[in-house]
Amino acid sequence: MFSKELGEKSVRIARETIENFLESREEPEMDEELPEEMKEERGVFVTLNKSGDLRGCIGRPLPRQPFIEGLVNSSINSAIRDPRFPEVRSEELKDITVEVSVLTVPENIEVDDPKKYPEEVEVGRDGLIVKSGGSEGLLLPQVPVDNDWDSEEFLSQTCVKAGLSPDAWVEGAISVERFSAQVFREEEPEGEIVEEELSV
């Protein structure tokens, strides 16, 4: 678990990384004085919102690199490499809020009947990863809360994110993994940073 202080630091680093990269097109040098928790391998996502609408969201779900590396790379990628959006411009940042999700290691959900998947998914706690062949889709825990989805709709929308039919989870030719996240975000651009309570 990250402390609120560490979560706030993560959001500040994300914003500063984006600001500096948009100005210089250079990645920042890593600070060797960082807390040990930020050097541990963790999954991380960075989400940008503009006037309440998604402006970019990219991350690394698996703990395959130190958190700080994933944070920096995801910050830059969410600003300039999300294929759904044009690159963020420097002048936009005053209207954009930054959100950092610190992920736990995904675990496979085992069921003897695919129709039991919804019973194993708790909206407000779980994020989901759906895999089938070479297809993969991920949705963060806050997505179903923001969209008022139940666990069945959450499963369906994660399948859609993977490029599959909404009923792919019922058909059973997929694997489903869950993870949880601590979410730290700015309440307003460059404003107070809070830890989001994910609840339904």
N, C-alpha and C. Protein backbone atom coordinates (compact mmCIF):
# COMPACT_ATOMS: atom_id res chain seq x y z
N MET A 1 0.84 -1.20 0.00
CA MET A 1 0.00 0.00 0.00
C MET A 1 0.88 1.26 0.00
N PHE A 2 0.52 2.20 -0.86
CA PHE A 2 1.20 3.48 -0.87
C PHE A 2 0.55 4.40 0.17
N SER A 3 1.36 5.18 0.85
CA SER A 3 0.82 6.21 1.74
C SER A 3 0.25 7.34 0.90
N LYS A 4 -0.60 8.17 1.51
CA LYS A 4 -1.15 9.31 0.78
C LYS A 4 -0.02 10.23 0.32
N GLU A 5 0.99 10.39 1.15
CA GLU A 5 2.13 11.23 0.79
C GLU A 5 2.84 10.71 -0.46
N LEU A 6 2.99 9.38 -0.52
CA LEU A 6 3.66 8.78 -1.68
C LEU A 6 2.77 8.87 -2.93
N GLY A 7 1.45 8.74 -2.73
CA GLY A 7 0.53 8.90 -3.84
C GLY A 7 0.57 10.31 -4.40
N GLU A 8 0.60 11.30 -3.50
CA GLU A 8 0.70 12.70 -3.92
C GLU A 8 1.99 12.93 -4.70
N LYS A 9 3.08 12.37 -4.21
CA LYS A 9 4.36 12.52 -4.89
C LYS A 9 4.30 11.91 -6.29
N SER A 10 3.63 10.78 -6.42
CA SER A 10 3.52 10.11 -7.72
C SER A 10 2.77 10.98 -8.73
N VAL A 11 1.69 11.60 -8.28
CA VAL A 11 0.91 12.46 -9.18
C VAL A 11 1.72 13.68 -9.58
N ARG A 12 2.46 14.26 -8.63
CA ARG A 12 3.29 15.43 -8.96
C ARG A 12 4.38 15.06 -9.97
N ILE A 13 4.99 13.89 -9.77
CA ILE A 13 6.02 13.44 -10.72
C ILE A 13 5.41 13.25 -12.11
N ALA A 14 4.20 12.66 -12.16
CA ALA A 14 3.54 12.43 -13.45
C ALA A 14 3.31 13.76 -14.18
N ARG A 15 2.77 14.74 -13.46
CA ARG A 15 2.51 16.04 -14.10
C ARG A 15 3.82 16.71 -14.54
N GLU A 16 4.81 16.72 -13.67
CA GLU A 16 6.08 17.36 -14.02
C GLU A 16 6.74 16.67 -15.21
N THR A 17 6.62 15.33 -15.26
CA THR A 17 7.20 14.58 -16.37
C THR A 17 6.55 15.00 -17.69
N ILE A 18 5.22 15.10 -17.68
CA ILE A 18 4.50 15.50 -18.90
C ILE A 18 4.87 16.92 -19.30
N GLU A 19 4.84 17.83 -18.33
CA GLU A 19 5.17 19.24 -18.62
C GLU A 19 6.56 19.35 -19.25
N ASN A 20 7.53 18.70 -18.63
CA ASN A 20 8.91 18.80 -19.11
C ASN A 20 9.09 18.14 -20.47
N PHE A 21 8.41 16.99 -20.66
CA PHE A 21 8.57 16.29 -21.94
C PHE A 21 7.96 17.08 -23.08
N LEU A 22 6.80 17.70 -22.85
CA LEU A 22 6.17 18.48 -23.91
C LEU A 22 7.02 19.69 -24.28
N GLU A 23 7.81 20.17 -23.34
CA GLU A 23 8.69 21.32 -23.62
C GLU A 23 10.00 20.89 -24.28
N SER A 24 10.59 19.79 -23.77
CA SER A 24 11.95 19.43 -24.20
C SER A 24 12.01 18.18 -25.07
N ARG A 25 10.95 17.35 -25.06
CA ARG A 25 10.91 16.03 -25.72
C ARG A 25 12.00 15.12 -25.16
N GLU A 26 12.35 15.31 -23.90
CA GLU A 26 13.34 14.46 -23.25
C GLU A 26 12.76 13.87 -21.97
N GLU A 27 13.09 12.58 -21.72
CA GLU A 27 12.65 11.95 -20.47
C GLU A 27 13.52 12.46 -19.32
N PRO A 28 12.93 12.61 -18.14
CA PRO A 28 13.71 13.10 -17.00
C PRO A 28 14.69 12.06 -16.50
N GLU A 29 15.75 12.52 -15.85
CA GLU A 29 16.67 11.61 -15.20
C GLU A 29 16.04 11.12 -13.90
N MET A 30 16.32 9.86 -13.55
CA MET A 30 15.75 9.27 -12.35
C MET A 30 16.43 9.82 -11.10
N ASP A 31 15.63 10.16 -10.12
CA ASP A 31 16.14 10.66 -8.84
C ASP A 31 16.53 9.47 -7.97
N GLU A 32 17.80 9.37 -7.63
CA GLU A 32 18.27 8.24 -6.83
C GLU A 32 17.80 8.33 -5.38
N GLU A 33 17.30 9.48 -4.96
CA GLU A 33 16.87 9.66 -3.58
C GLU A 33 15.40 9.28 -3.38
N LEU A 34 14.78 8.62 -4.33
CA LEU A 34 13.38 8.26 -4.23
C LEU A 34 13.13 7.27 -3.10
N PRO A 35 11.92 7.26 -2.52
CA PRO A 35 11.58 6.25 -1.52
C PRO A 35 11.70 4.85 -2.11
N GLU A 36 12.01 3.88 -1.27
CA GLU A 36 12.21 2.51 -1.75
C GLU A 36 10.97 1.95 -2.43
N GLU A 37 9.77 2.35 -1.95
CA GLU A 37 8.53 1.83 -2.55
C GLU A 37 8.43 2.17 -4.04
N MET A 38 9.02 3.29 -4.43
CA MET A 38 8.95 3.71 -5.83
C MET A 38 9.99 3.00 -6.70
N LYS A 39 10.89 2.26 -6.05
CA LYS A 39 11.88 1.49 -6.80
C LYS A 39 11.46 0.02 -6.94
N GLU A 40 10.41 -0.37 -6.21
CA GLU A 40 9.92 -1.74 -6.30
C GLU A 40 9.14 -1.94 -7.59
N GLU A 41 9.08 -3.17 -8.06
CA GLU A 41 8.37 -3.47 -9.30
C GLU A 41 6.86 -3.49 -9.04
N ARG A 42 6.14 -2.62 -9.76
CA ARG A 42 4.69 -2.50 -9.61
C ARG A 42 4.07 -2.12 -10.94
N GLY A 43 2.83 -2.50 -11.14
CA GLY A 43 2.08 -2.02 -12.29
C GLY A 43 1.56 -0.62 -12.00
N VAL A 44 1.40 0.18 -13.07
CA VAL A 44 0.94 1.55 -12.89
C VAL A 44 0.24 2.04 -14.15
N PHE A 45 -0.79 2.85 -13.96
CA PHE A 45 -1.47 3.52 -15.07
C PHE A 45 -1.53 5.01 -14.76
N VAL A 46 -1.42 5.82 -15.82
CA VAL A 46 -1.60 7.27 -15.70
C VAL A 46 -2.78 7.66 -16.58
N THR A 47 -3.74 8.36 -15.97
CA THR A 47 -4.96 8.78 -16.67
C THR A 47 -5.02 10.30 -16.68
N LEU A 48 -5.33 10.85 -17.84
CA LEU A 48 -5.52 12.30 -17.99
C LEU A 48 -6.98 12.58 -18.32
N ASN A 49 -7.56 13.53 -17.62
CA ASN A 49 -8.94 13.93 -17.88
C ASN A 49 -8.99 15.43 -18.15
N LYS A 50 -9.80 15.81 -19.12
CA LYS A 50 -9.96 17.22 -19.47
C LYS A 50 -11.44 17.57 -19.43
N SER A 51 -11.80 18.46 -18.52
CA SER A 51 -13.20 18.88 -18.36
C SER A 51 -14.12 17.68 -18.16
N GLY A 52 -13.63 16.70 -17.40
CA GLY A 52 -14.44 15.53 -17.08
C GLY A 52 -14.41 14.43 -18.12
N ASP A 53 -13.73 14.66 -19.24
CA ASP A 53 -13.65 13.64 -20.30
C ASP A 53 -12.24 13.06 -20.37
N LEU A 54 -12.17 11.78 -20.71
CA LEU A 54 -10.87 11.12 -20.85
C LEU A 54 -10.04 11.81 -21.93
N ARG A 55 -8.76 12.06 -21.62
CA ARG A 55 -7.85 12.69 -22.58
C ARG A 55 -6.66 11.80 -22.89
N GLY A 56 -6.48 10.76 -22.09
CA GLY A 56 -5.39 9.82 -22.32
C GLY A 56 -5.27 8.87 -21.15
N CYS A 57 -4.96 7.62 -21.44
CA CYS A 57 -4.78 6.64 -20.35
C CYS A 57 -3.93 5.49 -20.87
N ILE A 58 -2.74 5.37 -20.33
CA ILE A 58 -1.84 4.29 -20.72
C ILE A 58 -1.07 3.84 -19.48
N GLY A 59 -0.75 2.56 -19.43
CA GLY A 59 0.01 2.07 -18.29
C GLY A 59 0.63 0.72 -18.54
N ARG A 60 1.13 0.17 -17.48
CA ARG A 60 1.80 -1.14 -17.51
C ARG A 60 1.17 -1.99 -16.41
N PRO A 61 0.34 -2.97 -16.79
CA PRO A 61 -0.39 -3.71 -15.78
C PRO A 61 0.45 -4.67 -14.95
N LEU A 62 1.55 -5.15 -15.51
CA LEU A 62 2.34 -6.16 -14.81
C LEU A 62 3.57 -5.53 -14.15
N PRO A 63 3.94 -6.04 -12.98
CA PRO A 63 5.09 -5.49 -12.26
C PRO A 63 6.41 -6.00 -12.84
N ARG A 64 6.76 -5.48 -14.02
CA ARG A 64 7.97 -5.94 -14.70
C ARG A 64 9.07 -4.89 -14.73
N GLN A 65 8.83 -3.76 -14.06
CA GLN A 65 9.83 -2.71 -14.00
C GLN A 65 9.62 -1.92 -12.71
N PRO A 66 10.65 -1.21 -12.24
CA PRO A 66 10.45 -0.38 -11.05
C PRO A 66 9.29 0.58 -11.27
N PHE A 67 8.55 0.84 -10.21
CA PHE A 67 7.37 1.71 -10.31
C PHE A 67 7.71 3.05 -10.95
N ILE A 68 8.82 3.67 -10.55
CA ILE A 68 9.15 4.99 -11.05
C ILE A 68 9.35 4.97 -12.56
N GLU A 69 9.94 3.90 -13.10
CA GLU A 69 10.14 3.80 -14.55
C GLU A 69 8.79 3.69 -15.25
N GLY A 70 7.93 2.84 -14.72
CA GLY A 70 6.60 2.71 -15.30
C GLY A 70 5.81 3.99 -15.22
N LEU A 71 5.97 4.72 -14.10
CA LEU A 71 5.25 5.98 -13.91
C LEU A 71 5.69 7.01 -14.95
N VAL A 72 6.98 7.16 -15.13
CA VAL A 72 7.50 8.13 -16.09
C VAL A 72 7.08 7.77 -17.52
N ASN A 73 7.27 6.51 -17.89
CA ASN A 73 6.92 6.09 -19.25
C ASN A 73 5.42 6.21 -19.51
N SER A 74 4.61 5.82 -18.53
CA SER A 74 3.16 5.89 -18.69
C SER A 74 2.67 7.33 -18.76
N SER A 75 3.33 8.22 -18.01
CA SER A 75 2.96 9.63 -18.04
C SER A 75 3.15 10.20 -19.45
N ILE A 76 4.31 9.93 -20.01
CA ILE A 76 4.60 10.43 -21.36
C ILE A 76 3.67 9.79 -22.38
N ASN A 77 3.50 8.48 -22.29
CA ASN A 77 2.67 7.76 -23.26
C ASN A 77 1.22 8.20 -23.20
N SER A 78 0.71 8.47 -22.00
CA SER A 78 -0.69 8.89 -21.89
C SER A 78 -0.90 10.25 -22.55
N ALA A 79 0.15 11.06 -22.56
CA ALA A 79 0.05 12.39 -23.15
C ALA A 79 0.24 12.40 -24.67
N ILE A 80 1.08 11.51 -25.18
CA ILE A 80 1.40 11.63 -26.62
C ILE A 80 1.20 10.34 -27.43
N ARG A 81 0.93 9.21 -26.77
CA ARG A 81 0.89 7.96 -27.53
C ARG A 81 -0.41 7.16 -27.35
N ASP A 82 -1.42 7.77 -26.74
CA ASP A 82 -2.71 7.08 -26.68
C ASP A 82 -3.33 7.20 -28.08
N PRO A 83 -3.52 6.07 -28.78
CA PRO A 83 -3.99 6.14 -30.17
C PRO A 83 -5.40 6.69 -30.33
N ARG A 84 -6.14 6.81 -29.23
CA ARG A 84 -7.51 7.33 -29.30
C ARG A 84 -7.56 8.85 -29.39
N PHE A 85 -6.43 9.51 -29.10
CA PHE A 85 -6.44 10.96 -28.98
C PHE A 85 -5.23 11.58 -29.68
N PRO A 86 -5.36 12.84 -30.10
CA PRO A 86 -4.17 13.55 -30.57
C PRO A 86 -3.26 13.85 -29.39
N GLU A 87 -2.01 14.18 -29.68
CA GLU A 87 -1.06 14.50 -28.61
C GLU A 87 -1.56 15.68 -27.78
N VAL A 88 -1.32 15.60 -26.48
CA VAL A 88 -1.63 16.73 -25.60
C VAL A 88 -0.70 17.89 -25.95
N ARG A 89 -1.23 19.08 -25.97
CA ARG A 89 -0.43 20.28 -26.19
C ARG A 89 -0.13 20.94 -24.84
N SER A 90 0.99 21.61 -24.74
CA SER A 90 1.40 22.23 -23.48
C SER A 90 0.33 23.14 -22.92
N GLU A 91 -0.34 23.90 -23.79
CA GLU A 91 -1.33 24.86 -23.32
C GLU A 91 -2.59 24.18 -22.76
N GLU A 92 -2.75 22.88 -23.04
CA GLU A 92 -3.90 22.15 -22.52
C GLU A 92 -3.74 21.77 -21.05
N LEU A 93 -2.52 21.69 -20.58
CA LEU A 93 -2.26 21.12 -19.25
C LEU A 93 -2.97 21.88 -18.13
N LYS A 94 -3.22 23.17 -18.35
CA LYS A 94 -3.92 23.94 -17.31
C LYS A 94 -5.36 23.48 -17.14
N ASP A 95 -5.89 22.70 -18.10
CA ASP A 95 -7.26 22.20 -18.05
C ASP A 95 -7.34 20.69 -17.79
N ILE A 96 -6.18 20.06 -17.59
CA ILE A 96 -6.12 18.60 -17.46
C ILE A 96 -5.79 18.20 -16.02
N THR A 97 -6.55 17.22 -15.50
CA THR A 97 -6.21 16.63 -14.21
C THR A 97 -5.45 15.32 -14.44
N VAL A 98 -4.53 15.03 -13.53
CA VAL A 98 -3.67 13.86 -13.62
C VAL A 98 -4.07 12.85 -12.54
N GLU A 99 -4.14 11.60 -12.93
CA GLU A 99 -4.53 10.52 -12.02
C GLU A 99 -3.53 9.37 -12.16
N VAL A 100 -3.08 8.82 -11.03
CA VAL A 100 -2.14 7.71 -11.03
C VAL A 100 -2.78 6.52 -10.30
N SER A 101 -2.78 5.37 -10.96
CA SER A 101 -3.29 4.13 -10.35
C SER A 101 -2.13 3.19 -10.08
N VAL A 102 -1.97 2.80 -8.82
CA VAL A 102 -0.91 1.87 -8.40
C VAL A 102 -1.54 0.49 -8.29
N LEU A 103 -1.05 -0.45 -9.10
CA LEU A 103 -1.73 -1.74 -9.24
C LEU A 103 -1.09 -2.85 -8.40
N THR A 104 -1.93 -3.79 -7.99
CA THR A 104 -1.44 -5.03 -7.40
C THR A 104 -1.16 -6.03 -8.53
N VAL A 105 -0.51 -7.13 -8.19
CA VAL A 105 -0.22 -8.16 -9.20
C VAL A 105 -1.52 -8.86 -9.60
N PRO A 106 -1.83 -8.95 -10.91
CA PRO A 106 -3.06 -9.63 -11.34
C PRO A 106 -3.06 -11.10 -10.94
N GLU A 107 -4.26 -11.60 -10.58
CA GLU A 107 -4.43 -13.02 -10.26
C GLU A 107 -5.53 -13.60 -11.13
N ASN A 108 -5.34 -14.84 -11.53
CA ASN A 108 -6.32 -15.50 -12.39
C ASN A 108 -7.58 -15.86 -11.61
N ILE A 109 -8.75 -15.64 -12.22
CA ILE A 109 -10.01 -16.03 -11.60
C ILE A 109 -10.38 -17.42 -12.10
N GLU A 110 -10.47 -18.37 -11.19
CA GLU A 110 -10.79 -19.75 -11.54
C GLU A 110 -12.27 -20.02 -11.26
N VAL A 111 -13.01 -20.48 -12.27
CA VAL A 111 -14.41 -20.87 -12.09
C VAL A 111 -14.66 -22.18 -12.84
N ASP A 112 -15.61 -22.98 -12.34
CA ASP A 112 -15.94 -24.23 -13.03
C ASP A 112 -17.02 -24.02 -14.09
N ASP A 113 -17.64 -22.85 -14.08
CA ASP A 113 -18.66 -22.48 -15.05
C ASP A 113 -18.49 -20.99 -15.35
N PRO A 114 -18.29 -20.62 -16.64
CA PRO A 114 -18.07 -19.21 -16.97
C PRO A 114 -19.17 -18.28 -16.44
N LYS A 115 -20.38 -18.78 -16.30
CA LYS A 115 -21.48 -17.94 -15.82
C LYS A 115 -21.28 -17.50 -14.37
N LYS A 116 -20.29 -18.10 -13.70
CA LYS A 116 -20.01 -17.73 -12.31
C LYS A 116 -19.00 -16.59 -12.20
N TYR A 117 -18.45 -16.17 -13.34
CA TYR A 117 -17.48 -15.06 -13.30
C TYR A 117 -18.02 -13.83 -12.56
N PRO A 118 -19.28 -13.40 -12.83
CA PRO A 118 -19.77 -12.19 -12.15
C PRO A 118 -19.74 -12.29 -10.63
N GLU A 119 -19.91 -13.51 -10.09
CA GLU A 119 -19.89 -13.69 -8.65
C GLU A 119 -18.50 -13.44 -8.07
N GLU A 120 -17.48 -13.58 -8.91
CA GLU A 120 -16.09 -13.44 -8.45
C GLU A 120 -15.53 -12.04 -8.68
N VAL A 121 -16.35 -11.18 -9.28
CA VAL A 121 -15.89 -9.82 -9.60
C VAL A 121 -16.63 -8.82 -8.72
N GLU A 122 -15.89 -8.03 -7.98
CA GLU A 122 -16.49 -7.01 -7.11
C GLU A 122 -16.23 -5.63 -7.70
N VAL A 123 -17.31 -4.99 -8.14
CA VAL A 123 -17.20 -3.64 -8.68
C VAL A 123 -16.78 -2.68 -7.57
N GLY A 124 -15.80 -1.83 -7.89
CA GLY A 124 -15.28 -0.91 -6.89
C GLY A 124 -14.01 -1.41 -6.23
N ARG A 125 -13.74 -2.69 -6.38
CA ARG A 125 -12.50 -3.27 -5.84
C ARG A 125 -11.61 -3.78 -6.96
N ASP A 126 -12.20 -4.49 -7.93
CA ASP A 126 -11.43 -5.20 -8.94
C ASP A 126 -11.27 -4.43 -10.24
N GLY A 127 -10.08 -4.51 -10.81
CA GLY A 127 -9.86 -4.22 -12.21
C GLY A 127 -9.78 -5.56 -12.92
N LEU A 128 -10.01 -5.56 -14.23
CA LEU A 128 -10.05 -6.83 -14.96
C LEU A 128 -9.12 -6.82 -16.16
N ILE A 129 -8.56 -7.99 -16.44
CA ILE A 129 -7.81 -8.24 -17.67
C ILE A 129 -8.42 -9.48 -18.32
N VAL A 130 -8.85 -9.36 -19.57
CA VAL A 130 -9.39 -10.48 -20.32
C VAL A 130 -8.40 -10.84 -21.42
N LYS A 131 -8.10 -12.14 -21.54
CA LYS A 131 -7.16 -12.61 -22.57
C LYS A 131 -7.79 -13.74 -23.37
N SER A 132 -7.54 -13.70 -24.68
CA SER A 132 -7.99 -14.78 -25.56
C SER A 132 -7.07 -14.81 -26.77
N GLY A 133 -6.28 -15.88 -26.90
CA GLY A 133 -5.31 -15.93 -27.98
C GLY A 133 -4.35 -14.78 -27.85
N GLY A 134 -4.24 -13.99 -28.91
CA GLY A 134 -3.35 -12.83 -28.87
C GLY A 134 -4.06 -11.55 -28.47
N SER A 135 -5.34 -11.66 -28.10
CA SER A 135 -6.11 -10.47 -27.73
C SER A 135 -6.08 -10.27 -26.22
N GLU A 136 -6.05 -9.00 -25.82
CA GLU A 136 -6.03 -8.68 -24.39
C GLU A 136 -6.69 -7.33 -24.16
N GLY A 137 -7.51 -7.26 -23.12
CA GLY A 137 -8.15 -6.00 -22.77
C GLY A 137 -8.08 -5.79 -21.28
N LEU A 138 -7.90 -4.54 -20.85
CA LEU A 138 -7.79 -4.20 -19.43
C LEU A 138 -8.66 -2.99 -19.14
N LEU A 139 -9.39 -3.06 -18.03
CA LEU A 139 -10.12 -1.91 -17.52
C LEU A 139 -9.80 -1.74 -16.03
N LEU A 140 -9.53 -0.51 -15.63
CA LEU A 140 -9.17 -0.21 -14.25
C LEU A 140 -10.40 -0.29 -13.33
N PRO A 141 -10.18 -0.45 -12.02
CA PRO A 141 -11.31 -0.60 -11.09
C PRO A 141 -12.28 0.58 -11.09
N GLN A 142 -11.78 1.78 -11.39
CA GLN A 142 -12.66 2.96 -11.35
C GLN A 142 -13.60 3.05 -12.55
N VAL A 143 -13.32 2.30 -13.63
CA VAL A 143 -14.13 2.42 -14.86
C VAL A 143 -15.58 1.97 -14.64
N PRO A 144 -15.84 0.80 -14.06
CA PRO A 144 -17.25 0.41 -13.87
C PRO A 144 -17.97 1.30 -12.86
N VAL A 145 -17.22 1.84 -11.89
CA VAL A 145 -17.84 2.76 -10.92
C VAL A 145 -18.29 4.02 -11.63
N ASP A 146 -17.39 4.58 -12.47
CA ASP A 146 -17.71 5.82 -13.18
C ASP A 146 -18.86 5.64 -14.16
N ASN A 147 -19.02 4.42 -14.69
CA ASN A 147 -20.05 4.17 -15.70
C ASN A 147 -21.28 3.46 -15.16
N ASP A 148 -21.31 3.21 -13.83
CA ASP A 148 -22.45 2.57 -13.19
C ASP A 148 -22.75 1.19 -13.79
N TRP A 149 -21.69 0.41 -14.00
CA TRP A 149 -21.84 -0.95 -14.52
C TRP A 149 -21.93 -1.95 -13.37
N ASP A 150 -22.68 -3.02 -13.59
CA ASP A 150 -22.62 -4.16 -12.66
C ASP A 150 -21.50 -5.09 -13.13
N SER A 151 -21.27 -6.19 -12.42
CA SER A 151 -20.13 -7.05 -12.74
C SER A 151 -20.26 -7.70 -14.11
N GLU A 152 -21.50 -8.01 -14.54
CA GLU A 152 -21.68 -8.62 -15.86
C GLU A 152 -21.32 -7.63 -16.97
N GLU A 153 -21.77 -6.39 -16.84
CA GLU A 153 -21.45 -5.38 -17.85
C GLU A 153 -19.95 -5.08 -17.85
N PHE A 154 -19.35 -5.11 -16.68
CA PHE A 154 -17.91 -4.89 -16.55
C PHE A 154 -17.15 -5.97 -17.32
N LEU A 155 -17.55 -7.22 -17.15
CA LEU A 155 -16.92 -8.32 -17.89
C LEU A 155 -17.12 -8.14 -19.39
N SER A 156 -18.33 -7.77 -19.78
CA SER A 156 -18.62 -7.60 -21.21
C SER A 156 -17.78 -6.48 -21.82
N GLN A 157 -17.68 -5.36 -21.10
CA GLN A 157 -16.93 -4.22 -21.64
C GLN A 157 -15.43 -4.50 -21.68
N THR A 158 -14.94 -5.32 -20.76
CA THR A 158 -13.52 -5.70 -20.82
C THR A 158 -13.27 -6.61 -22.01
N CYS A 159 -14.22 -7.47 -22.32
CA CYS A 159 -14.12 -8.30 -23.53
C CYS A 159 -14.09 -7.42 -24.78
N VAL A 160 -14.96 -6.41 -24.82
CA VAL A 160 -14.99 -5.48 -25.96
C VAL A 160 -13.65 -4.77 -26.08
N LYS A 161 -13.07 -4.37 -24.95
CA LYS A 161 -11.76 -3.70 -24.96
C LYS A 161 -10.70 -4.61 -25.58
N ALA A 162 -10.88 -5.93 -25.42
CA ALA A 162 -9.94 -6.89 -25.98
C ALA A 162 -10.24 -7.21 -27.45
N GLY A 163 -11.27 -6.57 -27.99
CA GLY A 163 -11.64 -6.83 -29.38
C GLY A 163 -12.49 -8.07 -29.55
N LEU A 164 -13.11 -8.52 -28.46
CA LEU A 164 -13.94 -9.72 -28.49
C LEU A 164 -15.41 -9.33 -28.42
N SER A 165 -16.28 -10.31 -28.59
CA SER A 165 -17.71 -10.04 -28.45
C SER A 165 -18.03 -9.82 -26.97
N PRO A 166 -19.09 -9.05 -26.65
CA PRO A 166 -19.44 -8.81 -25.24
C PRO A 166 -19.75 -10.09 -24.47
N ASP A 167 -20.16 -11.13 -25.19
CA ASP A 167 -20.52 -12.39 -24.53
C ASP A 167 -19.37 -13.38 -24.45
N ALA A 168 -18.16 -12.96 -24.80
CA ALA A 168 -17.03 -13.89 -24.83
C ALA A 168 -16.79 -14.53 -23.47
N TRP A 169 -17.05 -13.79 -22.39
CA TRP A 169 -16.82 -14.36 -21.05
C TRP A 169 -17.82 -15.47 -20.74
N VAL A 170 -19.02 -15.39 -21.30
CA VAL A 170 -20.02 -16.44 -21.09
C VAL A 170 -19.63 -17.70 -21.86
N GLU A 171 -19.08 -17.47 -23.05
CA GLU A 171 -18.71 -18.60 -23.91
C GLU A 171 -17.51 -19.36 -23.36
N GLY A 172 -16.71 -18.70 -22.53
CA GLY A 172 -15.67 -19.40 -21.78
C GLY A 172 -14.34 -19.59 -22.46
N ALA A 173 -14.16 -19.08 -23.67
CA ALA A 173 -12.90 -19.28 -24.39
C ALA A 173 -11.89 -18.17 -24.07
N ILE A 174 -11.89 -17.73 -22.82
CA ILE A 174 -11.01 -16.64 -22.40
C ILE A 174 -10.46 -16.94 -21.02
N SER A 175 -9.47 -16.18 -20.62
CA SER A 175 -9.03 -16.17 -19.22
C SER A 175 -9.32 -14.79 -18.65
N VAL A 176 -9.67 -14.75 -17.38
CA VAL A 176 -9.99 -13.49 -16.72
C VAL A 176 -9.10 -13.34 -15.49
N GLU A 177 -8.44 -12.19 -15.40
CA GLU A 177 -7.61 -11.88 -14.24
C GLU A 177 -8.16 -10.64 -13.56
N ARG A 178 -7.95 -10.55 -12.26
CA ARG A 178 -8.38 -9.36 -11.52
C ARG A 178 -7.19 -8.79 -10.76
N PHE A 179 -7.29 -7.51 -10.48
CA PHE A 179 -6.28 -6.82 -9.69
C PHE A 179 -6.99 -5.68 -8.98
N SER A 180 -6.33 -5.09 -8.01
CA SER A 180 -6.89 -3.91 -7.36
C SER A 180 -5.92 -2.75 -7.55
N ALA A 181 -6.37 -1.56 -7.19
CA ALA A 181 -5.54 -0.38 -7.41
C ALA A 181 -5.82 0.68 -6.35
N GLN A 182 -4.77 1.39 -6.00
CA GLN A 182 -4.92 2.64 -5.25
C GLN A 182 -4.90 3.76 -6.29
N VAL A 183 -5.86 4.66 -6.19
CA VAL A 183 -5.99 5.71 -7.19
C VAL A 183 -5.80 7.07 -6.53
N PHE A 184 -4.81 7.80 -7.02
CA PHE A 184 -4.53 9.15 -6.52
C PHE A 184 -4.75 10.13 -7.67
N ARG A 185 -5.49 11.22 -7.41
CA ARG A 185 -5.81 12.14 -8.51
C ARG A 185 -5.90 13.58 -8.01
N GLU A 186 -5.70 14.48 -8.95
CA GLU A 186 -5.92 15.90 -8.69
C GLU A 186 -7.41 16.19 -8.72
N GLU A 187 -7.90 16.93 -7.74
CA GLU A 187 -9.32 17.30 -7.75
C GLU A 187 -9.61 18.33 -8.84
N GLU A 188 -8.61 19.14 -9.13
CA GLU A 188 -8.69 20.09 -10.24
C GLU A 188 -7.28 20.23 -10.77
N PRO A 189 -7.10 20.75 -12.01
CA PRO A 189 -5.74 20.85 -12.57
C PRO A 189 -4.77 21.55 -11.62
N GLU A 190 -3.67 20.84 -11.31
CA GLU A 190 -2.63 21.34 -10.42
C GLU A 190 -3.15 21.63 -9.01
N GLY A 191 -4.31 21.06 -8.68
CA GLY A 191 -4.93 21.31 -7.38
C GLY A 191 -4.60 20.24 -6.35
N GLU A 192 -5.45 20.18 -5.31
CA GLU A 192 -5.24 19.21 -4.23
C GLU A 192 -5.29 17.79 -4.78
N ILE A 193 -4.43 16.93 -4.23
CA ILE A 193 -4.37 15.53 -4.64
C ILE A 193 -5.04 14.68 -3.58
N VAL A 194 -5.96 13.82 -4.00
CA VAL A 194 -6.70 12.98 -3.07
C VAL A 194 -6.57 11.52 -3.47
N GLU A 195 -6.79 10.63 -2.50
CA GLU A 195 -6.89 9.21 -2.80
C GLU A 195 -8.36 8.90 -3.03
N GLU A 196 -8.66 8.39 -4.21
CA GLU A 196 -10.04 8.14 -4.58
C GLU A 196 -10.60 6.92 -3.86
N GLU A 197 -11.78 7.06 -3.30
CA GLU A 197 -12.47 5.92 -2.68
C GLU A 197 -13.34 5.27 -3.74
N LEU A 198 -12.99 4.05 -4.13
CA LEU A 198 -13.77 3.36 -5.14
C LEU A 198 -14.90 2.60 -4.46
N SER A 199 -16.12 3.08 -4.64
CA SER A 199 -17.26 2.43 -4.03
C SER A 199 -18.47 2.55 -4.95
N VAL A 200 -19.42 1.64 -4.76
CA VAL A 200 -20.59 1.62 -5.64
C VAL A 200 -21.80 2.14 -4.88
